[in-house]
């Protein structure tokens, strides 16, 4: 049972960031803007959040510092995503090229800035955010061991973000308008919906959630930030496609990839996997092999928004 508890706890560390970033991507793409800049947005959010922790960890600690860092990471991701929104919506640029440019810019900016400020590119931080046991809830048999011990507050915030985001896109006027702008922006415009504003909102939401996702991926898995989120932005895109741009399916896809990532990083603690004569490098490849397999089987039947990636020209209605 101890191994099972460990696997579930590790899966939460990896699945929750994927879930948040993929939900953000869903908002952008269902508004009609392809956002492959998620990797860069995660890097920028993690850079700002970790740097904030590095500066203030001498005076603050614990969950308060972590929550403030998440706020900083989200604001940074939202601001950075404005570059993609402006290029895609106002300039009507190719959205894939715009996203690729941001992905290339973000790690270079993080490395350059870190070296300029502190003389080295790695940003160190002390993890004071780990929760050994949640009071009361951690004492519940089985469930307490699985979900309320050896955890981070980001797990519960991530689940809350998912619940709110799923409700908003399905059951609110804003969600209806956002979906309409991704399916038939001309029809939405004809009834008074400002397509440009809705698409800006979708991209900014994806930026905010991407920034938060970058931070909460780094904190449980490392004690330094080296301008990388290990391809998690691209994995989030795979989660989005596997989840067919639908929140409930994205939830299941995120946990599937979270389990794959757990197997690749913590296989040495699982007796059955450790005993197999398989090289370490093969285990490291598991999430990315799973991505290729999933996309090969599911991308053919994708239910992407019809107007996704197509710049909207109000004068062409």
C-alpha atoms as a PDB file:
ATOM      1  CA  UNK A   1       0.000   0.000   0.000  1.00  0.00           C
ATOM      2  CA  UNK A   2       2.882   2.388   0.666  1.00  0.00           C
ATOM      3  CA  UNK A   3       3.899   2.132  -2.992  1.00  0.00           C
ATOM      4  CA  UNK A   4       0.322   2.845  -4.083  1.00  0.00           C
ATOM      5  CA  UNK A   5       0.177   5.906  -1.836  1.00  0.00           C
ATOM      6  CA  UNK A   6       3.483   7.132  -3.228  1.00  0.00           C
ATOM      7  CA  UNK A   7       2.399   6.673  -6.860  1.00  0.00           C
ATOM      8  CA  UNK A   8      -0.871   8.554  -6.296  1.00  0.00           C
ATOM      9  CA  UNK A   9       0.889  11.410  -4.507  1.00  0.00           C
ATOM     10  CA  UNK A  10       3.518  11.715  -7.240  1.00  0.00           C
ATOM     11  CA  UNK A  11       0.834  11.582  -9.915  1.00  0.00           C
ATOM     12  CA  UNK A  12      -0.856  14.600  -8.353  1.00  0.00           C
ATOM     13  CA  UNK A  13       2.416  16.543  -8.549  1.00  0.00           C
ATOM     14  CA  UNK A  14       2.596  15.957 -12.298  1.00  0.00           C
ATOM     15  CA  UNK A  15      -1.078  15.829 -13.288  1.00  0.00           C
ATOM     16  CA  UNK A  16      -2.293  19.061 -11.656  1.00  0.00           C
ATOM     17  CA  UNK A  17       0.054  21.389 -13.613  1.00  0.00           C
ATOM     18  CA  UNK A  18      -0.894  19.581 -16.817  1.00  0.00           C
ATOM     19  CA  UNK A  19      -4.575  19.961 -15.981  1.00  0.00           C
ATOM     20  CA  UNK A  20      -4.331  23.692 -15.300  1.00  0.00           C
ATOM     21  CA  UNK A  21      -2.280  24.475 -18.407  1.00  0.00           C
ATOM     22  CA  UNK A  22      -4.471  22.316 -20.669  1.00  0.00           C
ATOM     23  CA  UNK A  23      -7.628  23.994 -19.332  1.00  0.00           C
ATOM     24  CA  UNK A  24      -6.039  27.364 -20.107  1.00  0.00           C
ATOM     25  CA  UNK A  25      -5.230  26.160 -23.616  1.00  0.00           C
ATOM     26  CA  UNK A  26      -8.849  25.049 -23.997  1.00  0.00           C
ATOM     27  CA  UNK A  27     -10.045  28.585 -23.302  1.00  0.00           C
ATOM     28  CA  UNK A  28      -7.685  30.025 -25.901  1.00  0.00           C
ATOM     29  CA  UNK A  29      -8.412  27.494 -28.602  1.00  0.00           C
ATOM     30  CA  UNK A  30     -12.171  27.397 -28.082  1.00  0.00           C
ATOM     31  CA  UNK A  31     -12.129  31.162 -28.587  1.00  0.00           C
ATOM     32  CA  UNK A  32     -10.423  30.538 -31.940  1.00  0.00           C
ATOM     33  CA  UNK A  33      -6.740  31.194 -31.168  1.00  0.00           C
ATOM     34  CA  UNK A  34      -4.227  28.349 -31.305  1.00  0.00           C
ATOM     35  CA  UNK A  35      -1.814  28.708 -28.420  1.00  0.00           C
ATOM     36  CA  UNK A  36       1.304  26.603 -28.787  1.00  0.00           C
ATOM     37  CA  UNK A  37       3.214  29.188 -26.733  1.00  0.00           C
ATOM     38  CA  UNK A  38       2.313  27.277 -23.561  1.00  0.00           C
ATOM     39  CA  UNK A  39       5.879  26.077 -23.060  1.00  0.00           C
ATOM     40  CA  UNK A  40       7.173  29.641 -23.153  1.00  0.00           C
ATOM     41  CA  UNK A  41       4.363  30.907 -20.948  1.00  0.00           C
ATOM     42  CA  UNK A  42       5.100  28.208 -18.366  1.00  0.00           C
ATOM     43  CA  UNK A  43       8.792  29.123 -18.411  1.00  0.00           C
ATOM     44  CA  UNK A  44       8.028  32.815 -17.877  1.00  0.00           C
ATOM     45  CA  UNK A  45       5.544  32.097 -15.092  1.00  0.00           C
ATOM     46  CA  UNK A  46       7.939  29.721 -13.349  1.00  0.00           C
ATOM     47  CA  UNK A  47      10.810  32.203 -13.765  1.00  0.00           C
ATOM     48  CA  UNK A  48       8.865  35.083 -12.209  1.00  0.00           C
ATOM     49  CA  UNK A  49       7.372  32.944  -9.433  1.00  0.00           C
ATOM     50  CA  UNK A  50      10.628  31.218  -8.472  1.00  0.00           C
ATOM     51  CA  UNK A  51      12.538  34.500  -8.598  1.00  0.00           C
ATOM     52  CA  UNK A  52       9.906  36.020  -6.304  1.00  0.00           C
ATOM     53  CA  UNK A  53      10.372  33.128  -3.879  1.00  0.00           C
ATOM     54  CA  UNK A  54      14.160  33.504  -4.087  1.00  0.00           C
ATOM     55  CA  UNK A  55      13.943  37.198  -3.164  1.00  0.00           C
ATOM     56  CA  UNK A  56      11.412  36.951  -0.338  1.00  0.00           C
ATOM     57  CA  UNK A  57      12.141  33.535   1.179  1.00  0.00           C
ATOM     58  CA  UNK A  58      14.286  35.238   3.830  1.00  0.00           C
ATOM     59  CA  UNK A  59      11.301  37.162   5.193  1.00  0.00           C
ATOM     60  CA  UNK A  60       8.350  34.974   4.178  1.00  0.00           C
ATOM     61  CA  UNK A  61       7.787  31.238   4.071  1.00  0.00           C
ATOM     62  CA  UNK A  62       5.130  28.570   3.881  1.00  0.00           C
ATOM     63  CA  UNK A  63       1.818  28.722   2.092  1.00  0.00           C
ATOM     64  CA  UNK A  64       1.551  32.518   2.121  1.00  0.00           C
ATOM     65  CA  UNK A  65       4.742  32.878   0.085  1.00  0.00           C
ATOM     66  CA  UNK A  66       3.638  30.103  -2.268  1.00  0.00           C
ATOM     67  CA  UNK A  67       0.260  31.749  -2.890  1.00  0.00           C
ATOM     68  CA  UNK A  68       1.892  35.118  -3.585  1.00  0.00           C
ATOM     69  CA  UNK A  69       4.340  33.441  -5.975  1.00  0.00           C
ATOM     70  CA  UNK A  70       1.406  31.819  -7.803  1.00  0.00           C
ATOM     71  CA  UNK A  71      -0.175  35.243  -8.170  1.00  0.00           C
ATOM     72  CA  UNK A  72       3.069  36.657  -9.581  1.00  0.00           C
ATOM     73  CA  UNK A  73       3.437  33.693 -11.945  1.00  0.00           C
ATOM     74  CA  UNK A  74      -0.154  34.056 -13.172  1.00  0.00           C
ATOM     75  CA  UNK A  75       0.199  37.797 -13.795  1.00  0.00           C
ATOM     76  CA  UNK A  76       3.468  37.224 -15.656  1.00  0.00           C
ATOM     77  CA  UNK A  77       1.945  34.510 -17.814  1.00  0.00           C
ATOM     78  CA  UNK A  78      -1.058  36.706 -18.589  1.00  0.00           C
ATOM     79  CA  UNK A  79       1.119  39.662 -19.585  1.00  0.00           C
ATOM     80  CA  UNK A  80       3.398  37.467 -21.704  1.00  0.00           C
ATOM     81  CA  UNK A  81       0.403  35.944 -23.492  1.00  0.00           C
ATOM     82  CA  UNK A  82      -0.639  39.444 -24.601  1.00  0.00           C
ATOM     83  CA  UNK A  83       2.197  39.326 -27.137  1.00  0.00           C
ATOM     84  CA  UNK A  84       0.637  36.254 -28.707  1.00  0.00           C
ATOM     85  CA  UNK A  85      -2.847  37.773 -28.531  1.00  0.00           C
ATOM     86  CA  UNK A  86      -1.747  40.992 -30.222  1.00  0.00           C
ATOM     87  CA  UNK A  87       0.106  39.165 -32.992  1.00  0.00           C
ATOM     88  CA  UNK A  88      -2.707  36.667 -33.590  1.00  0.00           C
ATOM     89  CA  UNK A  89      -5.765  38.907 -33.226  1.00  0.00           C
ATOM     90  CA  UNK A  90      -4.722  42.428 -34.195  1.00  0.00           C
ATOM     91  CA  UNK A  91      -1.891  41.674 -36.607  1.00  0.00           C
ATOM     92  CA  UNK A  92      -3.556  38.478 -37.921  1.00  0.00           C
ATOM     93  CA  UNK A  93      -0.184  36.738 -37.878  1.00  0.00           C
ATOM     94  CA  UNK A  94       0.266  33.019 -38.272  1.00  0.00           C
ATOM     95  CA  UNK A  95      -0.589  31.734 -34.801  1.00  0.00           C
ATOM     96  CA  UNK A  96       1.797  28.791 -34.951  1.00  0.00           C
ATOM     97  CA  UNK A  97       4.748  31.010 -35.803  1.00  0.00           C
ATOM     98  CA  UNK A  98       3.793  33.519 -33.115  1.00  0.00           C
ATOM     99  CA  UNK A  99       3.615  30.787 -30.481  1.00  0.00           C
ATOM    100  CA  UNK A 100       6.907  29.273 -31.616  1.00  0.00           C
ATOM    101  CA  UNK A 101       8.601  32.667 -31.350  1.00  0.00           C
ATOM    102  CA  UNK A 102       7.457  33.023 -27.731  1.00  0.00           C
ATOM    103  CA  UNK A 103       8.632  29.499 -26.940  1.00  0.00           C
ATOM    104  CA  UNK A 104      12.092  30.380 -28.229  1.00  0.00           C
ATOM    105  CA  UNK A 105      12.175  33.764 -26.502  1.00  0.00           C
ATOM    106  CA  UNK A 106      11.126  32.710 -22.984  1.00  0.00           C
ATOM    107  CA  UNK A 107      14.044  30.435 -21.934  1.00  0.00           C
ATOM    108  CA  UNK A 108      16.593  32.781 -23.494  1.00  0.00           C
ATOM    109  CA  UNK A 109      15.086  35.722 -21.605  1.00  0.00           C
ATOM    110  CA  UNK A 110      15.009  33.759 -18.325  1.00  0.00           C
ATOM    111  CA  UNK A 111      18.652  32.679 -18.652  1.00  0.00           C
ATOM    112  CA  UNK A 112      19.873  36.144 -19.682  1.00  0.00           C
ATOM    113  CA  UNK A 113      17.959  37.916 -16.901  1.00  0.00           C
ATOM    114  CA  UNK A 114      19.040  35.439 -14.206  1.00  0.00           C
ATOM    115  CA  UNK A 115      22.681  35.773 -15.219  1.00  0.00           C
ATOM    116  CA  UNK A 116      22.459  39.551 -15.285  1.00  0.00           C
ATOM    117  CA  UNK A 117      20.928  39.712 -11.803  1.00  0.00           C
ATOM    118  CA  UNK A 118      22.645  36.923  -9.886  1.00  0.00           C
ATOM    119  CA  UNK A 119      25.548  35.821 -12.064  1.00  0.00           C
ATOM    120  CA  UNK A 120      24.219  32.323 -12.825  1.00  0.00           C
ATOM    121  CA  UNK A 121      21.226  30.961 -14.671  1.00  0.00           C
ATOM    122  CA  UNK A 122      19.953  28.580 -11.991  1.00  0.00           C
ATOM    123  CA  UNK A 123      17.612  30.217  -9.481  1.00  0.00           C
ATOM    124  CA  UNK A 124      17.748  28.452  -6.129  1.00  0.00           C
ATOM    125  CA  UNK A 125      14.854  28.315  -3.677  1.00  0.00           C
ATOM    126  CA  UNK A 126      13.989  26.557  -0.434  1.00  0.00           C
ATOM    127  CA  UNK A 127      10.904  24.374  -0.482  1.00  0.00           C
ATOM    128  CA  UNK A 128       8.947  25.402   2.612  1.00  0.00           C
ATOM    129  CA  UNK A 129       5.628  24.584   0.960  1.00  0.00           C
ATOM    130  CA  UNK A 130       5.409  20.821   1.431  1.00  0.00           C
ATOM    131  CA  UNK A 131       2.507  19.716   3.641  1.00  0.00           C
ATOM    132  CA  UNK A 132       3.212  16.530   5.589  1.00  0.00           C
ATOM    133  CA  UNK A 133      -0.409  16.110   6.655  1.00  0.00           C
ATOM    134  CA  UNK A 134      -3.531  18.228   6.301  1.00  0.00           C
ATOM    135  CA  UNK A 135      -5.131  18.571   9.775  1.00  0.00           C
ATOM    136  CA  UNK A 136      -8.176  16.319  10.296  1.00  0.00           C
ATOM    137  CA  UNK A 137      -8.440  15.322   6.624  1.00  0.00           C
ATOM    138  CA  UNK A 138      -5.043  13.643   6.709  1.00  0.00           C
ATOM    139  CA  UNK A 139      -6.303  11.236   9.386  1.00  0.00           C
ATOM    140  CA  UNK A 140      -9.090   9.788   7.230  1.00  0.00           C
ATOM    141  CA  UNK A 141      -8.276   6.128   6.460  1.00  0.00           C
ATOM    142  CA  UNK A 142      -6.958   5.500   2.926  1.00  0.00           C
ATOM    143  CA  UNK A 143      -8.295   8.775   1.464  1.00  0.00           C
ATOM    144  CA  UNK A 144      -6.221  10.797   3.919  1.00  0.00           C
ATOM    145  CA  UNK A 145      -3.085   8.857   3.017  1.00  0.00           C
ATOM    146  CA  UNK A 146      -3.739   9.240  -0.698  1.00  0.00           C
ATOM    147  CA  UNK A 147      -4.769  12.871  -1.001  1.00  0.00           C
ATOM    148  CA  UNK A 148      -4.053  14.745   2.222  1.00  0.00           C
ATOM    149  CA  UNK A 149      -0.535  13.660   3.132  1.00  0.00           C
ATOM    150  CA  UNK A 150       2.773  14.586   1.468  1.00  0.00           C
ATOM    151  CA  UNK A 151       1.000  17.158  -0.662  1.00  0.00           C
ATOM    152  CA  UNK A 152       1.052  20.788  -1.771  1.00  0.00           C
ATOM    153  CA  UNK A 153      -1.675  23.395  -1.544  1.00  0.00           C
ATOM    154  CA  UNK A 154      -1.342  23.787  -5.323  1.00  0.00           C
ATOM    155  CA  UNK A 155      -3.118  20.422  -5.721  1.00  0.00           C
ATOM    156  CA  UNK A 156      -6.316  21.736  -4.157  1.00  0.00           C
ATOM    157  CA  UNK A 157      -6.040  25.096  -5.911  1.00  0.00           C
ATOM    158  CA  UNK A 158      -5.629  23.275  -9.209  1.00  0.00           C
ATOM    159  CA  UNK A 159      -8.753  21.193  -8.636  1.00  0.00           C
ATOM    160  CA  UNK A 160     -10.669  24.348  -7.682  1.00  0.00           C
ATOM    161  CA  UNK A 161      -9.453  26.131 -10.833  1.00  0.00           C
ATOM    162  CA  UNK A 162     -10.590  23.174 -12.929  1.00  0.00           C
ATOM    163  CA  UNK A 163     -14.054  23.110 -11.332  1.00  0.00           C
ATOM    164  CA  UNK A 164     -14.563  26.856 -11.817  1.00  0.00           C
ATOM    165  CA  UNK A 165     -13.202  26.820 -15.384  1.00  0.00           C
ATOM    166  CA  UNK A 166     -15.382  23.843 -16.373  1.00  0.00           C
ATOM    167  CA  UNK A 167     -18.479  25.522 -14.952  1.00  0.00           C
ATOM    168  CA  UNK A 168     -17.765  28.887 -16.593  1.00  0.00           C
ATOM    169  CA  UNK A 169     -17.240  27.546 -20.095  1.00  0.00           C
ATOM    170  CA  UNK A 170     -20.345  25.339 -19.955  1.00  0.00           C
ATOM    171  CA  UNK A 171     -22.873  27.337 -17.965  1.00  0.00           C
ATOM    172  CA  UNK A 172     -22.229  31.060 -18.317  1.00  0.00           C
ATOM    173  CA  UNK A 173     -22.894  33.701 -20.946  1.00  0.00           C
ATOM    174  CA  UNK A 174     -19.165  34.327 -21.271  1.00  0.00           C
ATOM    175  CA  UNK A 175     -18.537  30.628 -21.896  1.00  0.00           C
ATOM    176  CA  UNK A 176     -21.231  30.514 -24.569  1.00  0.00           C
ATOM    177  CA  UNK A 177     -19.775  33.556 -26.314  1.00  0.00           C
ATOM    178  CA  UNK A 178     -16.273  32.149 -26.138  1.00  0.00           C
ATOM    179  CA  UNK A 179     -17.367  28.866 -27.699  1.00  0.00           C
ATOM    180  CA  UNK A 180     -19.309  30.736 -30.376  1.00  0.00           C
ATOM    181  CA  UNK A 181     -16.219  32.765 -31.317  1.00  0.00           C
ATOM    182  CA  UNK A 182     -14.285  29.554 -31.851  1.00  0.00           C
ATOM    183  CA  UNK A 183     -16.993  27.881 -33.919  1.00  0.00           C
ATOM    184  CA  UNK A 184     -18.539  30.684 -35.973  1.00  0.00           C
ATOM    185  CA  UNK A 185     -17.154  34.131 -35.143  1.00  0.00           C
ATOM    186  CA  UNK A 186     -19.181  35.781 -37.907  1.00  0.00           C
ATOM    187  CA  UNK A 187     -22.447  34.603 -36.361  1.00  0.00           C
ATOM    188  CA  UNK A 188     -21.291  35.727 -32.913  1.00  0.00           C
ATOM    189  CA  UNK A 189     -20.369  39.147 -34.272  1.00  0.00           C
ATOM    190  CA  UNK A 190     -23.744  39.479 -35.981  1.00  0.00           C
ATOM    191  CA  UNK A 191     -25.531  39.323 -32.598  1.00  0.00           C
ATOM    192  CA  UNK A 192     -23.275  41.896 -30.972  1.00  0.00           C
ATOM    193  CA  UNK A 193     -20.450  39.805 -29.530  1.00  0.00           C
ATOM    194  CA  UNK A 194     -17.055  41.503 -29.721  1.00  0.00           C
ATOM    195  CA  UNK A 195     -14.994  38.657 -31.157  1.00  0.00           C
ATOM    196  CA  UNK A 196     -11.691  40.448 -30.602  1.00  0.00           C
ATOM    197  CA  UNK A 197     -12.342  41.019 -26.887  1.00  0.00           C
ATOM    198  CA  UNK A 198     -13.517  37.453 -26.336  1.00  0.00           C
ATOM    199  CA  UNK A 199     -10.435  36.064 -28.064  1.00  0.00           C
ATOM    200  CA  UNK A 200      -8.199  38.350 -26.029  1.00  0.00           C
ATOM    201  CA  UNK A 201      -9.908  37.049 -22.893  1.00  0.00           C
ATOM    202  CA  UNK A 202      -9.361  33.442 -23.954  1.00  0.00           C
ATOM    203  CA  UNK A 203      -5.650  33.969 -24.636  1.00  0.00           C
ATOM    204  CA  UNK A 204      -5.099  35.908 -21.394  1.00  0.00           C
ATOM    205  CA  UNK A 205      -6.834  33.188 -19.372  1.00  0.00           C
ATOM    206  CA  UNK A 206      -4.558  30.609 -20.995  1.00  0.00           C
ATOM    207  CA  UNK A 207      -1.574  32.799 -20.116  1.00  0.00           C
ATOM    208  CA  UNK A 208      -2.577  33.179 -16.469  1.00  0.00           C
ATOM    209  CA  UNK A 209      -3.199  29.460 -16.018  1.00  0.00           C
ATOM    210  CA  UNK A 210      -0.039  28.611 -17.980  1.00  0.00           C
ATOM    211  CA  UNK A 211       2.052  30.831 -15.728  1.00  0.00           C
ATOM    212  CA  UNK A 212       0.602  29.260 -12.587  1.00  0.00           C
ATOM    213  CA  UNK A 213       1.084  25.806 -14.085  1.00  0.00           C
ATOM    214  CA  UNK A 214       4.760  26.504 -14.722  1.00  0.00           C
ATOM    215  CA  UNK A 215       5.359  27.433 -11.097  1.00  0.00           C
ATOM    216  CA  UNK A 216       3.452  24.553  -9.547  1.00  0.00           C
ATOM    217  CA  UNK A 217       5.279  22.112 -11.813  1.00  0.00           C
ATOM    218  CA  UNK A 218       8.717  23.315 -10.697  1.00  0.00           C
ATOM    219  CA  UNK A 219       8.114  23.671  -6.946  1.00  0.00           C
ATOM    220  CA  UNK A 220       7.219  20.020  -6.061  1.00  0.00           C
ATOM    221  CA  UNK A 221       9.836  18.518  -8.399  1.00  0.00           C
ATOM    222  CA  UNK A 222      12.977  20.606  -7.850  1.00  0.00           C
ATOM    223  CA  UNK A 223      14.814  23.086  -5.624  1.00  0.00           C
ATOM    224  CA  UNK A 224      16.040  25.271  -8.483  1.00  0.00           C
ATOM    225  CA  UNK A 225      14.810  26.653 -11.767  1.00  0.00           C
ATOM    226  CA  UNK A 226      16.959  26.346 -14.872  1.00  0.00           C
ATOM    227  CA  UNK A 227      14.757  28.014 -17.524  1.00  0.00           C
ATOM    228  CA  UNK A 228      13.019  24.750 -18.407  1.00  0.00           C
ATOM    229  CA  UNK A 229       9.721  23.000 -17.702  1.00  0.00           C
ATOM    230  CA  UNK A 230      10.784  19.746 -19.387  1.00  0.00           C
ATOM    231  CA  UNK A 231       8.452  20.038 -22.365  1.00  0.00           C
ATOM    232  CA  UNK A 232       5.363  20.250 -20.171  1.00  0.00           C
ATOM    233  CA  UNK A 233       3.801  22.933 -22.348  1.00  0.00           C
ATOM    234  CA  UNK A 234       3.816  20.569 -25.289  1.00  0.00           C
ATOM    235  CA  UNK A 235       2.488  17.731 -23.147  1.00  0.00           C
ATOM    236  CA  UNK A 236      -0.378  20.048 -22.169  1.00  0.00           C
ATOM    237  CA  UNK A 237      -1.214  20.472 -25.863  1.00  0.00           C
ATOM    238  CA  UNK A 238      -1.300  16.672 -26.174  1.00  0.00           C
ATOM    239  CA  UNK A 239      -3.632  16.558 -23.158  1.00  0.00           C
ATOM    240  CA  UNK A 240      -5.861  19.141 -24.852  1.00  0.00           C
ATOM    241  CA  UNK A 241      -6.060  17.117 -28.072  1.00  0.00           C
ATOM    242  CA  UNK A 242      -6.510  13.814 -26.232  1.00  0.00           C
ATOM    243  CA  UNK A 243      -9.262  15.492 -24.212  1.00  0.00           C
ATOM    244  CA  UNK A 244     -10.985  16.713 -27.398  1.00  0.00           C
ATOM    245  CA  UNK A 245     -11.144  20.315 -26.141  1.00  0.00           C
ATOM    246  CA  UNK A 246     -13.674  19.251 -23.474  1.00  0.00           C
ATOM    247  CA  UNK A 247     -13.031  19.882 -19.786  1.00  0.00           C
ATOM    248  CA  UNK A 248     -14.098  16.476 -18.415  1.00  0.00           C
ATOM    249  CA  UNK A 249     -12.027  14.578 -20.975  1.00  0.00           C
ATOM    250  CA  UNK A 250      -9.074  16.892 -20.342  1.00  0.00           C
ATOM    251  CA  UNK A 251      -9.264  15.927 -16.656  1.00  0.00           C
ATOM    252  CA  UNK A 252      -8.932  12.245 -17.510  1.00  0.00           C
ATOM    253  CA  UNK A 253      -6.198  12.906 -20.063  1.00  0.00           C
ATOM    254  CA  UNK A 254      -4.186  14.966 -17.570  1.00  0.00           C
ATOM    255  CA  UNK A 255      -4.179  12.151 -15.035  1.00  0.00           C
ATOM    256  CA  UNK A 256      -3.270   9.616 -17.713  1.00  0.00           C
ATOM    257  CA  UNK A 257      -0.199  11.641 -18.669  1.00  0.00           C
ATOM    258  CA  UNK A 258       0.488  12.318 -14.987  1.00  0.00           C
ATOM    259  CA  UNK A 259       0.704   8.582 -14.367  1.00  0.00           C
ATOM    260  CA  UNK A 260       3.031   8.196 -17.365  1.00  0.00           C
ATOM    261  CA  UNK A 261       5.276  10.959 -15.999  1.00  0.00           C
ATOM    262  CA  UNK A 262       5.273   9.348 -12.549  1.00  0.00           C
ATOM    263  CA  UNK A 263       6.356   6.011 -14.006  1.00  0.00           C
ATOM    264  CA  UNK A 264       9.187   7.709 -15.884  1.00  0.00           C
ATOM    265  CA  UNK A 265      10.543   9.651 -12.921  1.00  0.00           C
ATOM    266  CA  UNK A 266       9.827   7.386  -9.944  1.00  0.00           C
ATOM    267  CA  UNK A 267      10.176   3.916 -11.428  1.00  0.00           C
ATOM    268  CA  UNK A 268      13.104   3.110  -9.099  1.00  0.00           C
ATOM    269  CA  UNK A 269      10.767   3.228  -6.086  1.00  0.00           C
ATOM    270  CA  UNK A 270       8.333   0.735  -7.631  1.00  0.00           C
ATOM    271  CA  UNK A 271       9.713  -2.786  -7.002  1.00  0.00           C
ATOM    272  CA  UNK A 272       8.150  -4.383 -10.094  1.00  0.00           C
ATOM    273  CA  UNK A 273       9.503  -1.743 -12.497  1.00  0.00           C
ATOM    274  CA  UNK A 274      12.883  -1.577 -10.779  1.00  0.00           C
ATOM    275  CA  UNK A 275      13.393  -5.321 -11.249  1.00  0.00           C
ATOM    276  CA  UNK A 276      12.840  -5.170 -15.013  1.00  0.00           C
ATOM    277  CA  UNK A 277      15.991  -5.148 -17.193  1.00  0.00           C
ATOM    278  CA  UNK A 278      15.057  -1.864 -18.868  1.00  0.00           C
ATOM    279  CA  UNK A 279      17.535   1.042 -19.226  1.00  0.00           C
ATOM    280  CA  UNK A 280      16.826   4.302 -17.403  1.00  0.00           C
ATOM    281  CA  UNK A 281      16.576   6.174 -20.673  1.00  0.00           C
ATOM    282  CA  UNK A 282      13.592   4.081 -21.762  1.00  0.00           C
ATOM    283  CA  UNK A 283      11.657   5.055 -18.640  1.00  0.00           C
ATOM    284  CA  UNK A 284      12.455   8.728 -19.256  1.00  0.00           C
ATOM    285  CA  UNK A 285      10.917   8.395 -22.714  1.00  0.00           C
ATOM    286  CA  UNK A 286       7.582   6.993 -21.490  1.00  0.00           C
ATOM    287  CA  UNK A 287       5.539  10.273 -21.404  1.00  0.00           C
ATOM    288  CA  UNK A 288       6.727  11.329 -24.836  1.00  0.00           C
ATOM    289  CA  UNK A 289       6.179   7.918 -26.402  1.00  0.00           C
ATOM    290  CA  UNK A 290       2.683   7.978 -24.895  1.00  0.00           C
ATOM    291  CA  UNK A 291       2.168  11.414 -26.462  1.00  0.00           C
ATOM    292  CA  UNK A 292       3.096  10.136 -29.925  1.00  0.00           C
ATOM    293  CA  UNK A 293       0.859   7.072 -29.597  1.00  0.00           C
ATOM    294  CA  UNK A 294      -2.103   9.063 -28.308  1.00  0.00           C
ATOM    295  CA  UNK A 295      -1.836  11.722 -30.997  1.00  0.00           C
ATOM    296  CA  UNK A 296      -1.471   9.091 -33.724  1.00  0.00           C
ATOM    297  CA  UNK A 297      -4.743   7.448 -32.702  1.00  0.00           C
ATOM    298  CA  UNK A 298      -6.838  10.404 -31.562  1.00  0.00           C
ATOM    299  CA  UNK A 299      -5.803  13.366 -33.736  1.00  0.00           C
ATOM    300  CA  UNK A 300      -7.639  11.913 -36.761  1.00  0.00           C
ATOM    301  CA  UNK A 301     -10.976  12.153 -34.967  1.00  0.00           C
ATOM    302  CA  UNK A 302     -10.308  15.469 -33.260  1.00  0.00           C
ATOM    303  CA  UNK A 303     -13.195  17.804 -32.539  1.00  0.00           C
ATOM    304  CA  UNK A 304     -11.258  21.053 -32.680  1.00  0.00           C
ATOM    305  CA  UNK A 305     -13.212  24.320 -32.906  1.00  0.00           C
ATOM    306  CA  UNK A 306     -14.035  25.035 -36.551  1.00  0.00           C
ATOM    307  CA  UNK A 307     -12.603  28.567 -36.576  1.00  0.00           C
ATOM    308  CA  UNK A 308      -9.498  27.666 -34.603  1.00  0.00           C
ATOM    309  CA  UNK A 309      -6.390  29.296 -36.029  1.00  0.00           C
ATOM    310  CA  UNK A 310      -8.312  31.449 -38.512  1.00  0.00           C
ATOM    311  CA  UNK A 311      -7.838  35.213 -37.926  1.00  0.00           C
ATOM    312  CA  UNK A 312     -11.170  36.998 -37.798  1.00  0.00           C
ATOM    313  CA  UNK A 313     -11.695  39.901 -40.171  1.00  0.00           C
ATOM    314  CA  UNK A 314     -14.788  41.869 -39.299  1.00  0.00           C
ATOM    315  CA  UNK A 315     -15.029  43.268 -42.808  1.00  0.00           C
ATOM    316  CA  UNK A 316     -15.190  39.811 -44.403  1.00  0.00           C
ATOM    317  CA  UNK A 317     -18.584  38.850 -42.948  1.00  0.00           C
END
